[in-house]
Amino acid sequence: MVLLVLLLFALMLVPEVPRLVQRQQWPELAAFMALWAAGLALSLLITFDVDIGHLNRFLRSLFEPIGKMFLVPPD
């Protein structure tokens, strides 16, 4: 399962990184790599059955208000 996670995350790099480097989009590359690394770390923790409940609550409390600002429920 770990190899599958690593393979899938490696496949995310293939189309994105060369394009960002070629266009010299360094801030975008840094942001992409930071989010990619965070996603990989969380995915590996979940794969190894590490309890990340507090982290999930933290991320939810961080991003839910942002989502509510941009996503308005239908009338």
N, C-alpha and C. Protein backbone atom coordinates (compact mmCIF):
# COMPACT_ATOMS: atom_id res chain seq x y z
N MET A 1 0.82 -1.19 0.00
CA MET A 1 0.00 0.00 0.00
C MET A 1 0.87 1.27 0.00
N VAL A 2 1.98 1.22 0.72
CA VAL A 2 2.88 2.37 0.78
C VAL A 2 3.44 2.67 -0.61
N LEU A 3 3.80 1.63 -1.32
CA LEU A 3 4.34 1.84 -2.68
C LEU A 3 3.29 2.45 -3.60
N LEU A 4 2.04 2.05 -3.43
CA LEU A 4 0.97 2.62 -4.24
C LEU A 4 0.80 4.11 -3.96
N VAL A 5 0.84 4.49 -2.69
CA VAL A 5 0.74 5.90 -2.32
C VAL A 5 1.91 6.68 -2.91
N LEU A 6 3.11 6.15 -2.78
CA LEU A 6 4.29 6.83 -3.33
C LEU A 6 4.21 6.95 -4.85
N LEU A 7 3.74 5.90 -5.50
CA LEU A 7 3.60 5.93 -6.95
C LEU A 7 2.59 6.99 -7.39
N LEU A 8 1.45 7.03 -6.72
CA LEU A 8 0.43 8.01 -7.09
C LEU A 8 0.91 9.44 -6.86
N PHE A 9 1.61 9.66 -5.78
CA PHE A 9 2.13 11.01 -5.53
C PHE A 9 3.24 11.35 -6.51
N ALA A 10 4.04 10.38 -6.91
CA ALA A 10 5.07 10.63 -7.91
C ALA A 10 4.43 10.99 -9.26
N LEU A 11 3.31 10.34 -9.56
CA LEU A 11 2.61 10.64 -10.81
C LEU A 11 2.05 12.07 -10.82
N MET A 12 1.80 12.63 -9.65
CA MET A 12 1.34 14.02 -9.59
C MET A 12 2.47 14.98 -9.97
N LEU A 13 3.69 14.60 -9.67
CA LEU A 13 4.83 15.47 -9.96
C LEU A 13 5.15 15.54 -11.45
N VAL A 14 4.96 14.44 -12.14
CA VAL A 14 5.41 14.32 -13.53
C VAL A 14 4.88 15.44 -14.43
N PRO A 15 3.58 15.73 -14.44
CA PRO A 15 3.14 16.79 -15.36
C PRO A 15 3.35 18.21 -14.83
N GLU A 16 3.38 18.37 -13.52
CA GLU A 16 3.39 19.72 -12.95
C GLU A 16 4.77 20.35 -12.82
N VAL A 17 5.70 19.62 -12.23
CA VAL A 17 7.00 20.22 -11.89
C VAL A 17 7.77 20.69 -13.12
N PRO A 18 7.92 19.89 -14.17
CA PRO A 18 8.69 20.38 -15.33
C PRO A 18 8.06 21.64 -15.94
N ARG A 19 6.74 21.69 -15.97
CA ARG A 19 6.06 22.86 -16.53
C ARG A 19 6.33 24.11 -15.70
N LEU A 20 6.27 23.97 -14.38
CA LEU A 20 6.51 25.12 -13.51
C LEU A 20 7.97 25.58 -13.58
N VAL A 21 8.88 24.62 -13.68
CA VAL A 21 10.31 24.97 -13.79
C VAL A 21 10.59 25.65 -15.13
N GLN A 22 10.01 25.11 -16.20
CA GLN A 22 10.23 25.67 -17.53
C GLN A 22 9.74 27.12 -17.60
N ARG A 23 8.61 27.39 -16.97
CA ARG A 23 8.05 28.75 -16.97
C ARG A 23 8.66 29.63 -15.88
N GLN A 24 9.56 29.06 -15.11
CA GLN A 24 10.22 29.75 -13.99
C GLN A 24 9.21 30.35 -13.01
N GLN A 25 8.20 29.57 -12.69
CA GLN A 25 7.18 29.98 -11.73
C GLN A 25 7.57 29.47 -10.35
N TRP A 26 8.58 30.11 -9.77
CA TRP A 26 9.16 29.63 -8.52
C TRP A 26 8.19 29.71 -7.34
N PRO A 27 7.43 30.79 -7.15
CA PRO A 27 6.49 30.80 -6.02
C PRO A 27 5.42 29.71 -6.15
N GLU A 28 4.93 29.51 -7.37
CA GLU A 28 3.92 28.48 -7.60
C GLU A 28 4.51 27.09 -7.35
N LEU A 29 5.76 26.90 -7.77
CA LEU A 29 6.43 25.62 -7.53
C LEU A 29 6.61 25.37 -6.04
N ALA A 30 7.00 26.40 -5.30
CA ALA A 30 7.17 26.25 -3.85
C ALA A 30 5.85 25.92 -3.18
N ALA A 31 4.77 26.59 -3.59
CA ALA A 31 3.46 26.31 -3.01
C ALA A 31 3.01 24.90 -3.36
N PHE A 32 3.20 24.51 -4.62
CA PHE A 32 2.81 23.17 -5.04
C PHE A 32 3.58 22.11 -4.25
N MET A 33 4.88 22.30 -4.12
CA MET A 33 5.69 21.31 -3.41
C MET A 33 5.34 21.24 -1.92
N ALA A 34 5.01 22.38 -1.32
CA ALA A 34 4.62 22.37 0.09
C ALA A 34 3.32 21.61 0.28
N LEU A 35 2.33 21.88 -0.57
CA LEU A 35 1.05 21.16 -0.47
C LEU A 35 1.23 19.69 -0.82
N TRP A 36 2.06 19.40 -1.80
CA TRP A 36 2.33 18.01 -2.19
C TRP A 36 2.97 17.25 -1.04
N ALA A 37 3.96 17.86 -0.40
CA ALA A 37 4.65 17.20 0.72
C ALA A 37 3.71 16.99 1.90
N ALA A 38 2.86 17.98 2.17
CA ALA A 38 1.89 17.83 3.26
C ALA A 38 0.91 16.71 2.95
N GLY A 39 0.45 16.66 1.72
CA GLY A 39 -0.47 15.59 1.32
C GLY A 39 0.18 14.22 1.39
N LEU A 40 1.42 14.14 0.96
CA LEU A 40 2.14 12.87 1.02
C LEU A 40 2.32 12.43 2.47
N ALA A 41 2.72 13.36 3.32
CA ALA A 41 2.93 13.02 4.74
C ALA A 41 1.63 12.54 5.38
N LEU A 42 0.54 13.24 5.14
CA LEU A 42 -0.75 12.82 5.71
C LEU A 42 -1.18 11.47 5.16
N SER A 43 -0.99 11.27 3.86
CA SER A 43 -1.38 9.99 3.26
C SER A 43 -0.57 8.83 3.83
N LEU A 44 0.72 9.05 4.03
CA LEU A 44 1.54 7.99 4.61
C LEU A 44 1.16 7.72 6.07
N LEU A 45 0.84 8.76 6.81
CA LEU A 45 0.39 8.56 8.19
C LEU A 45 -0.90 7.75 8.23
N ILE A 46 -1.82 8.06 7.34
CA ILE A 46 -3.07 7.30 7.28
C ILE A 46 -2.79 5.86 6.86
N THR A 47 -1.88 5.67 5.92
CA THR A 47 -1.52 4.32 5.47
C THR A 47 -0.95 3.49 6.61
N PHE A 48 -0.18 4.12 7.50
CA PHE A 48 0.41 3.41 8.63
C PHE A 48 -0.50 3.39 9.85
N ASP A 49 -1.77 3.76 9.67
CA ASP A 49 -2.78 3.75 10.75
C ASP A 49 -2.38 4.60 11.95
N VAL A 50 -1.77 5.73 11.69
CA VAL A 50 -1.43 6.67 12.76
C VAL A 50 -2.66 7.54 13.01
N ASP A 51 -3.02 7.71 14.27
CA ASP A 51 -4.18 8.52 14.62
C ASP A 51 -3.84 10.00 14.41
N ILE A 52 -4.53 10.62 13.48
CA ILE A 52 -4.29 12.04 13.20
C ILE A 52 -5.56 12.84 13.43
N GLY A 53 -6.35 12.42 14.39
CA GLY A 53 -7.63 13.07 14.66
C GLY A 53 -7.51 14.54 15.00
N HIS A 54 -6.56 14.90 15.86
CA HIS A 54 -6.41 16.31 16.23
C HIS A 54 -5.98 17.15 15.04
N LEU A 55 -5.17 16.61 14.20
CA LEU A 55 -4.73 17.33 13.02
C LEU A 55 -5.90 17.56 12.08
N ASN A 56 -6.74 16.55 11.92
CA ASN A 56 -7.91 16.71 11.06
C ASN A 56 -8.83 17.80 11.60
N ARG A 57 -9.03 17.84 12.91
CA ARG A 57 -9.88 18.88 13.50
C ARG A 57 -9.27 20.25 13.29
N PHE A 58 -7.96 20.35 13.43
CA PHE A 58 -7.28 21.63 13.22
C PHE A 58 -7.44 22.10 11.77
N LEU A 59 -7.19 21.21 10.82
CA LEU A 59 -7.32 21.58 9.42
C LEU A 59 -8.75 21.96 9.07
N ARG A 60 -9.70 21.24 9.63
CA ARG A 60 -11.11 21.56 9.38
C ARG A 60 -11.46 22.93 9.94
N SER A 61 -10.99 23.23 11.16
CA SER A 61 -11.29 24.53 11.74
C SER A 61 -10.60 25.65 10.97
N LEU A 62 -9.52 25.34 10.30
CA LEU A 62 -8.81 26.34 9.51
C LEU A 62 -9.49 26.60 8.17
N PHE A 63 -9.91 25.54 7.49
CA PHE A 63 -10.42 25.70 6.13
C PHE A 63 -11.93 25.84 6.03
N GLU A 64 -12.70 25.39 7.01
CA GLU A 64 -14.16 25.52 6.94
C GLU A 64 -14.62 26.97 6.84
N PRO A 65 -14.10 27.89 7.65
CA PRO A 65 -14.54 29.28 7.51
C PRO A 65 -14.21 29.87 6.13
N ILE A 66 -13.08 29.48 5.58
CA ILE A 66 -12.71 29.96 4.25
C ILE A 66 -13.70 29.43 3.22
N GLY A 67 -14.04 28.16 3.33
CA GLY A 67 -15.00 27.56 2.41
C GLY A 67 -16.37 28.20 2.52
N LYS A 68 -16.79 28.52 3.73
CA LYS A 68 -18.10 29.14 3.93
C LYS A 68 -18.16 30.54 3.35
N MET A 69 -17.02 31.22 3.28
CA MET A 69 -17.00 32.56 2.68
C MET A 69 -17.24 32.49 1.17
N PHE A 70 -16.76 31.43 0.53
CA PHE A 70 -16.84 31.35 -0.92
C PHE A 70 -17.98 30.48 -1.42
N LEU A 71 -18.43 29.54 -0.62
CA LEU A 71 -19.49 28.63 -1.04
C LEU A 71 -20.77 28.98 -0.30
N VAL A 72 -21.74 29.46 -1.04
CA VAL A 72 -23.02 29.82 -0.44
C VAL A 72 -24.01 28.72 -0.77
N PRO A 73 -24.72 28.19 0.26
CA PRO A 73 -25.69 27.13 -0.02
C PRO A 73 -26.83 27.66 -0.89
N PRO A 74 -27.39 26.81 -1.73
CA PRO A 74 -28.50 27.25 -2.60
C PRO A 74 -29.74 27.59 -1.78
N ASP A 75 -30.54 28.49 -2.31
CA ASP A 75 -31.78 28.89 -1.62
C ASP A 75 -32.84 27.83 -1.67
